Amino acid sequence: LLPLLALAAPPILVSGCGTAGGKLPVTEMTARTDASGVQVVDVDVHSFYFKPNRIVVESGTPVELVLHFKSLFVPHNITCVDADAGIAVNKSAGFMSFRRTKRARFTPTIPGEYEFFCHVGSHSKKGMRGTIVVR
């Protein structure tokens, strides 16, 4: 067991390292509409940033965020909740979670800008946050 842990330790330590989102430029993505009329955006959840970190959608049309969690060893989350605006996203992937792609669906009703973030530890303070822009 000890040799196995020794081999696993370096990747675990390295996987926790990442570029702070506050040091990266804004990456904006406008949702594409699929054949069923749903606005779809792929979001990569890295340590410690989201790409894109600015998502543009239209109000009154369903939105599906396809979340690709990139870190196997560091847990992450994406949260964005504003019940009045019809936004409820709270998805996460934990340590050694093998289901790395998750989906969140909501229908925004009020135009505006809504912050999303990772609520794990101090990840949000490290820049792991972004904005959903509803037009």
N, C-alpha and C. Protein backbone atom coordinates (compact mmCIF):
# COMPACT_ATOMS: atom_id res chain seq x y z
N LEU A 1 0.82 -1.20 0.00
CA LEU A 1 0.00 0.00 0.00
C LEU A 1 0.86 1.26 0.00
N LEU A 2 1.95 1.24 0.77
CA LEU A 2 2.82 2.40 0.85
C LEU A 2 3.43 2.77 -0.50
N PRO A 3 3.94 1.80 -1.28
CA PRO A 3 4.47 2.15 -2.61
C PRO A 3 3.40 2.77 -3.52
N LEU A 4 2.18 2.27 -3.41
CA LEU A 4 1.10 2.83 -4.22
C LEU A 4 0.82 4.28 -3.85
N LEU A 5 0.81 4.60 -2.56
CA LEU A 5 0.61 5.97 -2.10
C LEU A 5 1.76 6.87 -2.56
N ALA A 6 2.98 6.36 -2.53
CA ALA A 6 4.13 7.15 -2.96
C ALA A 6 4.02 7.51 -4.44
N LEU A 7 3.51 6.58 -5.25
CA LEU A 7 3.33 6.86 -6.68
C LEU A 7 2.19 7.83 -6.92
N ALA A 8 1.17 7.79 -6.08
CA ALA A 8 -0.01 8.64 -6.28
C ALA A 8 0.22 10.05 -5.76
N ALA A 9 1.11 10.25 -4.81
CA ALA A 9 1.29 11.56 -4.18
C ALA A 9 1.68 12.67 -5.16
N PRO A 10 2.69 12.48 -6.04
CA PRO A 10 3.05 13.58 -6.94
C PRO A 10 1.90 14.06 -7.83
N PRO A 11 1.13 13.16 -8.47
CA PRO A 11 0.02 13.67 -9.27
C PRO A 11 -1.03 14.39 -8.44
N ILE A 12 -1.26 13.91 -7.22
CA ILE A 12 -2.23 14.57 -6.36
C ILE A 12 -1.78 15.99 -6.06
N LEU A 13 -0.52 16.13 -5.72
CA LEU A 13 -0.01 17.47 -5.41
C LEU A 13 -0.02 18.38 -6.62
N VAL A 14 0.38 17.86 -7.76
CA VAL A 14 0.42 18.65 -8.98
C VAL A 14 -0.98 19.03 -9.43
N SER A 15 -1.94 18.12 -9.32
CA SER A 15 -3.28 18.41 -9.80
C SER A 15 -3.96 19.51 -9.01
N GLY A 16 -3.50 19.77 -7.78
CA GLY A 16 -4.08 20.83 -6.97
C GLY A 16 -3.58 22.20 -7.39
N CYS A 17 -2.50 22.22 -8.14
CA CYS A 17 -1.94 23.49 -8.59
C CYS A 17 -2.69 23.97 -9.81
N GLY A 18 -2.89 25.24 -9.90
CA GLY A 18 -3.57 25.78 -11.06
C GLY A 18 -3.38 27.27 -11.11
N THR A 19 -3.75 27.85 -12.23
CA THR A 19 -3.64 29.29 -12.40
C THR A 19 -4.84 29.95 -11.74
N ALA A 20 -4.57 30.95 -10.93
CA ALA A 20 -5.67 31.68 -10.29
C ALA A 20 -6.48 32.39 -11.36
N GLY A 21 -7.80 32.26 -11.28
CA GLY A 21 -8.69 32.86 -12.27
C GLY A 21 -8.58 34.37 -12.33
N GLY A 22 -8.25 35.01 -11.20
CA GLY A 22 -8.12 36.46 -11.19
C GLY A 22 -6.97 36.96 -12.06
N LYS A 23 -6.05 36.09 -12.42
CA LYS A 23 -4.89 36.47 -13.25
C LYS A 23 -5.12 36.19 -14.73
N LEU A 24 -6.27 35.63 -15.07
CA LEU A 24 -6.56 35.27 -16.46
C LEU A 24 -7.52 36.28 -17.08
N PRO A 25 -7.46 36.44 -18.39
CA PRO A 25 -8.40 37.34 -19.05
C PRO A 25 -9.81 36.75 -19.08
N VAL A 26 -10.79 37.61 -19.26
CA VAL A 26 -12.18 37.17 -19.38
C VAL A 26 -12.32 36.41 -20.69
N THR A 27 -12.96 35.24 -20.63
CA THR A 27 -13.27 34.47 -21.83
C THR A 27 -14.79 34.39 -21.92
N GLU A 28 -15.33 34.97 -22.98
CA GLU A 28 -16.79 35.05 -23.13
C GLU A 28 -17.27 34.04 -24.17
N MET A 29 -18.43 33.44 -23.87
CA MET A 29 -19.04 32.49 -24.79
C MET A 29 -20.53 32.80 -24.85
N THR A 30 -21.04 32.94 -26.08
CA THR A 30 -22.48 33.08 -26.27
C THR A 30 -23.04 31.69 -26.54
N ALA A 31 -24.13 31.37 -25.85
CA ALA A 31 -24.72 30.04 -25.98
C ALA A 31 -25.12 29.76 -27.42
N ARG A 32 -24.94 28.52 -27.84
CA ARG A 32 -25.43 28.07 -29.15
C ARG A 32 -26.78 27.41 -28.90
N THR A 33 -27.68 27.50 -29.84
CA THR A 33 -28.99 26.89 -29.69
C THR A 33 -29.01 25.57 -30.44
N ASP A 34 -29.37 24.50 -29.74
CA ASP A 34 -29.40 23.18 -30.39
C ASP A 34 -30.73 22.98 -31.12
N ALA A 35 -30.90 21.84 -31.75
CA ALA A 35 -32.07 21.56 -32.57
C ALA A 35 -33.38 21.59 -31.78
N SER A 36 -33.30 21.35 -30.46
CA SER A 36 -34.52 21.36 -29.64
C SER A 36 -34.82 22.75 -29.06
N GLY A 37 -34.00 23.74 -29.41
CA GLY A 37 -34.24 25.10 -28.94
C GLY A 37 -33.61 25.43 -27.60
N VAL A 38 -32.76 24.55 -27.08
CA VAL A 38 -32.08 24.78 -25.81
C VAL A 38 -30.76 25.50 -26.08
N GLN A 39 -30.46 26.52 -25.27
CA GLN A 39 -29.17 27.21 -25.36
C GLN A 39 -28.14 26.37 -24.62
N VAL A 40 -27.06 26.00 -25.29
CA VAL A 40 -26.06 25.10 -24.71
C VAL A 40 -24.71 25.80 -24.64
N VAL A 41 -24.04 25.64 -23.49
CA VAL A 41 -22.69 26.17 -23.32
C VAL A 41 -21.86 25.11 -22.61
N ASP A 42 -20.69 24.79 -23.18
CA ASP A 42 -19.73 23.90 -22.54
C ASP A 42 -18.84 24.75 -21.64
N VAL A 43 -18.68 24.33 -20.38
CA VAL A 43 -17.86 25.05 -19.41
C VAL A 43 -16.83 24.09 -18.84
N ASP A 44 -15.56 24.44 -18.97
CA ASP A 44 -14.49 23.66 -18.37
C ASP A 44 -14.25 24.19 -16.95
N VAL A 45 -14.28 23.29 -15.98
CA VAL A 45 -14.07 23.65 -14.58
C VAL A 45 -12.66 23.19 -14.22
N HIS A 46 -11.74 24.17 -14.15
CA HIS A 46 -10.32 23.91 -13.88
C HIS A 46 -9.98 24.26 -12.44
N SER A 47 -8.73 24.04 -12.08
CA SER A 47 -8.19 24.55 -10.81
C SER A 47 -7.38 25.78 -11.17
N PHE A 48 -7.71 26.93 -10.92
CA PHE A 48 -8.80 27.50 -10.17
C PHE A 48 -9.50 28.54 -11.01
N TYR A 49 -10.12 28.11 -12.10
CA TYR A 49 -10.83 29.01 -12.99
C TYR A 49 -11.86 28.24 -13.80
N PHE A 50 -12.79 29.00 -14.38
CA PHE A 50 -13.79 28.47 -15.31
C PHE A 50 -13.46 28.99 -16.70
N LYS A 51 -13.70 28.18 -17.72
CA LYS A 51 -13.51 28.64 -19.09
C LYS A 51 -14.68 28.14 -19.92
N PRO A 52 -15.53 29.02 -20.40
CA PRO A 52 -15.48 30.48 -20.28
C PRO A 52 -15.91 30.93 -18.88
N ASN A 53 -15.53 32.16 -18.56
CA ASN A 53 -15.94 32.72 -17.28
C ASN A 53 -16.98 33.83 -17.45
N ARG A 54 -17.45 34.00 -18.67
CA ARG A 54 -18.55 34.92 -18.96
C ARG A 54 -19.43 34.23 -20.00
N ILE A 55 -20.68 33.95 -19.62
CA ILE A 55 -21.60 33.18 -20.45
C ILE A 55 -22.79 34.07 -20.79
N VAL A 56 -23.09 34.20 -22.08
CA VAL A 56 -24.17 35.06 -22.53
C VAL A 56 -25.32 34.20 -23.05
N VAL A 57 -26.52 34.43 -22.49
CA VAL A 57 -27.72 33.68 -22.87
C VAL A 57 -28.89 34.64 -23.03
N GLU A 58 -29.96 34.13 -23.63
CA GLU A 58 -31.18 34.92 -23.81
C GLU A 58 -32.20 34.52 -22.75
N SER A 59 -32.97 35.49 -22.27
CA SER A 59 -34.00 35.18 -21.28
C SER A 59 -35.17 34.46 -21.93
N GLY A 60 -35.87 33.67 -21.13
CA GLY A 60 -37.06 32.99 -21.60
C GLY A 60 -36.83 31.72 -22.39
N THR A 61 -35.56 31.33 -22.58
CA THR A 61 -35.22 30.12 -23.33
C THR A 61 -34.37 29.22 -22.44
N PRO A 62 -34.69 27.92 -22.39
CA PRO A 62 -33.91 27.02 -21.53
C PRO A 62 -32.41 27.05 -21.85
N VAL A 63 -31.61 26.92 -20.80
CA VAL A 63 -30.15 26.90 -20.91
C VAL A 63 -29.66 25.59 -20.32
N GLU A 64 -28.69 24.96 -21.00
CA GLU A 64 -28.03 23.79 -20.45
C GLU A 64 -26.53 24.06 -20.40
N LEU A 65 -25.98 24.04 -19.19
CA LEU A 65 -24.54 24.13 -19.02
C LEU A 65 -23.99 22.71 -18.97
N VAL A 66 -23.06 22.41 -19.86
CA VAL A 66 -22.40 21.11 -19.86
C VAL A 66 -21.06 21.34 -19.17
N LEU A 67 -20.93 20.83 -17.96
CA LEU A 67 -19.80 21.11 -17.09
C LEU A 67 -18.78 19.98 -17.17
N HIS A 68 -17.56 20.33 -17.56
CA HIS A 68 -16.48 19.35 -17.69
C HIS A 68 -15.48 19.61 -16.56
N PHE A 69 -15.54 18.79 -15.51
CA PHE A 69 -14.64 18.94 -14.37
C PHE A 69 -13.30 18.33 -14.73
N LYS A 70 -12.25 19.15 -14.73
CA LYS A 70 -10.94 18.74 -15.23
C LYS A 70 -10.01 18.15 -14.18
N SER A 71 -10.21 18.45 -12.90
CA SER A 71 -9.33 17.97 -11.85
C SER A 71 -9.89 16.71 -11.22
N LEU A 72 -9.11 15.65 -11.21
CA LEU A 72 -9.55 14.39 -10.63
C LEU A 72 -9.40 14.38 -9.11
N PHE A 73 -8.40 15.10 -8.60
CA PHE A 73 -8.08 15.01 -7.18
C PHE A 73 -8.53 16.20 -6.35
N VAL A 74 -8.85 17.33 -6.97
CA VAL A 74 -9.28 18.50 -6.22
C VAL A 74 -10.77 18.70 -6.45
N PRO A 75 -11.59 18.69 -5.39
CA PRO A 75 -13.02 18.89 -5.58
C PRO A 75 -13.33 20.32 -6.01
N HIS A 76 -14.34 20.45 -6.86
CA HIS A 76 -14.79 21.77 -7.33
C HIS A 76 -16.30 21.77 -7.43
N ASN A 77 -16.83 22.96 -7.57
CA ASN A 77 -18.27 23.16 -7.62
C ASN A 77 -18.54 24.38 -8.50
N ILE A 78 -19.74 24.45 -9.05
CA ILE A 78 -20.20 25.66 -9.70
C ILE A 78 -21.58 25.96 -9.13
N THR A 79 -21.72 27.17 -8.60
CA THR A 79 -22.96 27.60 -7.96
C THR A 79 -23.39 28.94 -8.54
N CYS A 80 -24.66 29.03 -8.91
CA CYS A 80 -25.27 30.29 -9.32
C CYS A 80 -26.76 30.15 -9.03
N VAL A 81 -27.24 30.89 -8.05
CA VAL A 81 -28.64 30.77 -7.66
C VAL A 81 -29.26 32.15 -7.54
N ASP A 82 -30.31 32.37 -8.29
CA ASP A 82 -31.17 33.55 -8.14
C ASP A 82 -32.57 33.09 -8.51
N ALA A 83 -33.32 32.67 -7.49
CA ALA A 83 -34.64 32.08 -7.72
C ALA A 83 -35.56 33.02 -8.47
N ASP A 84 -35.50 34.32 -8.17
CA ASP A 84 -36.37 35.28 -8.85
C ASP A 84 -36.10 35.33 -10.35
N ALA A 85 -34.85 35.06 -10.75
CA ALA A 85 -34.46 35.11 -12.16
C ALA A 85 -34.52 33.74 -12.83
N GLY A 86 -34.96 32.71 -12.10
CA GLY A 86 -35.08 31.38 -12.68
C GLY A 86 -33.76 30.64 -12.82
N ILE A 87 -32.74 31.07 -12.08
CA ILE A 87 -31.42 30.44 -12.19
C ILE A 87 -31.13 29.63 -10.93
N ALA A 88 -30.86 28.34 -11.13
CA ALA A 88 -30.52 27.45 -10.03
C ALA A 88 -29.50 26.43 -10.52
N VAL A 89 -28.23 26.71 -10.24
CA VAL A 89 -27.14 25.82 -10.64
C VAL A 89 -26.33 25.51 -9.38
N ASN A 90 -26.14 24.24 -9.09
CA ASN A 90 -25.31 23.82 -7.98
C ASN A 90 -24.83 22.40 -8.28
N LYS A 91 -23.71 22.29 -8.97
CA LYS A 91 -23.16 21.00 -9.38
C LYS A 91 -21.72 20.91 -8.89
N SER A 92 -21.31 19.70 -8.53
CA SER A 92 -19.94 19.54 -8.06
C SER A 92 -19.38 18.18 -8.44
N ALA A 93 -18.07 18.09 -8.36
CA ALA A 93 -17.35 16.82 -8.53
C ALA A 93 -16.33 16.77 -7.40
N GLY A 94 -16.34 15.66 -6.68
CA GLY A 94 -15.46 15.52 -5.53
C GLY A 94 -14.16 14.82 -5.86
N PHE A 95 -13.39 14.57 -4.83
CA PHE A 95 -12.12 13.86 -4.92
C PHE A 95 -12.36 12.49 -5.55
N MET A 96 -11.64 12.18 -6.58
CA MET A 96 -11.70 10.90 -7.28
C MET A 96 -13.09 10.59 -7.83
N SER A 97 -13.86 11.62 -8.15
CA SER A 97 -15.17 11.43 -8.76
C SER A 97 -14.94 11.08 -10.23
N PHE A 98 -15.47 9.94 -10.67
CA PHE A 98 -15.22 9.50 -12.03
C PHE A 98 -16.28 9.99 -13.01
N ARG A 99 -17.34 10.58 -12.52
CA ARG A 99 -18.33 11.20 -13.41
C ARG A 99 -17.91 12.66 -13.58
N ARG A 100 -17.12 12.93 -14.60
CA ARG A 100 -16.47 14.23 -14.77
C ARG A 100 -17.30 15.23 -15.56
N THR A 101 -18.33 14.79 -16.28
CA THR A 101 -19.19 15.71 -17.03
C THR A 101 -20.57 15.69 -16.41
N LYS A 102 -21.06 16.88 -16.07
CA LYS A 102 -22.38 17.02 -15.47
C LYS A 102 -23.14 18.11 -16.21
N ARG A 103 -24.45 18.09 -16.08
CA ARG A 103 -25.29 19.05 -16.78
C ARG A 103 -26.18 19.78 -15.78
N ALA A 104 -26.36 21.08 -16.05
CA ALA A 104 -27.26 21.91 -15.25
C ALA A 104 -28.19 22.63 -16.21
N ARG A 105 -29.49 22.55 -15.95
CA ARG A 105 -30.47 23.17 -16.84
C ARG A 105 -31.34 24.14 -16.05
N PHE A 106 -31.59 25.30 -16.65
CA PHE A 106 -32.44 26.32 -16.04
C PHE A 106 -32.99 27.21 -17.16
N THR A 107 -34.02 27.97 -16.85
CA THR A 107 -34.58 28.93 -17.81
C THR A 107 -34.55 30.31 -17.17
N PRO A 108 -33.63 31.17 -17.60
CA PRO A 108 -33.54 32.51 -17.00
C PRO A 108 -34.73 33.37 -17.42
N THR A 109 -35.23 34.16 -16.48
CA THR A 109 -36.43 34.95 -16.76
C THR A 109 -36.21 36.45 -16.71
N ILE A 110 -35.15 36.91 -16.05
CA ILE A 110 -34.92 38.34 -15.88
C ILE A 110 -33.53 38.70 -16.42
N PRO A 111 -33.47 39.63 -17.39
CA PRO A 111 -32.16 40.07 -17.88
C PRO A 111 -31.32 40.67 -16.75
N GLY A 112 -30.03 40.45 -16.85
CA GLY A 112 -29.09 40.97 -15.85
C GLY A 112 -27.82 40.16 -15.85
N GLU A 113 -26.96 40.43 -14.87
CA GLU A 113 -25.70 39.71 -14.72
C GLU A 113 -25.73 38.98 -13.39
N TYR A 114 -25.39 37.69 -13.41
CA TYR A 114 -25.48 36.82 -12.25
C TYR A 114 -24.15 36.12 -12.05
N GLU A 115 -23.57 36.26 -10.86
CA GLU A 115 -22.27 35.67 -10.57
C GLU A 115 -22.40 34.17 -10.33
N PHE A 116 -21.45 33.41 -10.88
CA PHE A 116 -21.29 32.01 -10.50
C PHE A 116 -19.90 31.85 -9.91
N PHE A 117 -19.72 30.82 -9.07
CA PHE A 117 -18.46 30.65 -8.36
C PHE A 117 -18.33 29.22 -7.86
N CYS A 118 -17.13 28.90 -7.41
CA CYS A 118 -16.87 27.62 -6.74
C CYS A 118 -16.87 27.91 -5.24
N HIS A 119 -17.74 27.23 -4.50
CA HIS A 119 -17.81 27.49 -3.06
C HIS A 119 -16.95 26.54 -2.22
N VAL A 120 -16.07 25.79 -2.87
CA VAL A 120 -15.16 24.91 -2.14
C VAL A 120 -14.00 25.74 -1.59
N GLY A 121 -13.76 25.63 -0.29
CA GLY A 121 -12.63 26.31 0.34
C GLY A 121 -12.53 27.78 -0.06
N SER A 122 -11.35 28.20 -0.43
CA SER A 122 -11.12 29.59 -0.84
C SER A 122 -11.01 29.72 -2.36
N HIS A 123 -11.57 28.77 -3.10
CA HIS A 123 -11.45 28.77 -4.56
C HIS A 123 -12.01 30.05 -5.18
N SER A 124 -13.14 30.54 -4.68
CA SER A 124 -13.72 31.77 -5.22
C SER A 124 -12.75 32.94 -5.03
N LYS A 125 -12.11 33.01 -3.88
CA LYS A 125 -11.15 34.08 -3.61
C LYS A 125 -9.94 34.00 -4.53
N LYS A 126 -9.65 32.79 -5.00
CA LYS A 126 -8.53 32.61 -5.93
C LYS A 126 -8.92 32.96 -7.36
N GLY A 127 -10.17 33.37 -7.55
CA GLY A 127 -10.60 33.80 -8.88
C GLY A 127 -11.49 32.80 -9.58
N MET A 128 -11.94 31.79 -8.88
CA MET A 128 -12.79 30.77 -9.51
C MET A 128 -14.24 31.26 -9.46
N ARG A 129 -14.51 32.20 -10.38
CA ARG A 129 -15.85 32.81 -10.48
C ARG A 129 -16.04 33.34 -11.89
N GLY A 130 -17.29 33.63 -12.18
CA GLY A 130 -17.62 34.17 -13.50
C GLY A 130 -19.00 34.80 -13.48
N THR A 131 -19.51 35.08 -14.68
CA THR A 131 -20.78 35.79 -14.80
C THR A 131 -21.64 35.16 -15.88
N ILE A 132 -22.92 34.98 -15.56
CA ILE A 132 -23.92 34.61 -16.56
C ILE A 132 -24.64 35.90 -16.91
N VAL A 133 -24.58 36.28 -18.18
CA VAL A 133 -25.24 37.49 -18.66
C VAL A 133 -26.52 37.06 -19.36
N VAL A 134 -27.64 37.53 -18.84
CA VAL A 134 -28.94 37.21 -19.43
C VAL A 134 -29.42 38.44 -20.18
N ARG A 135 -29.66 38.28 -21.48
CA ARG A 135 -30.13 39.41 -22.31
C ARG A 135 -31.61 39.27 -22.60
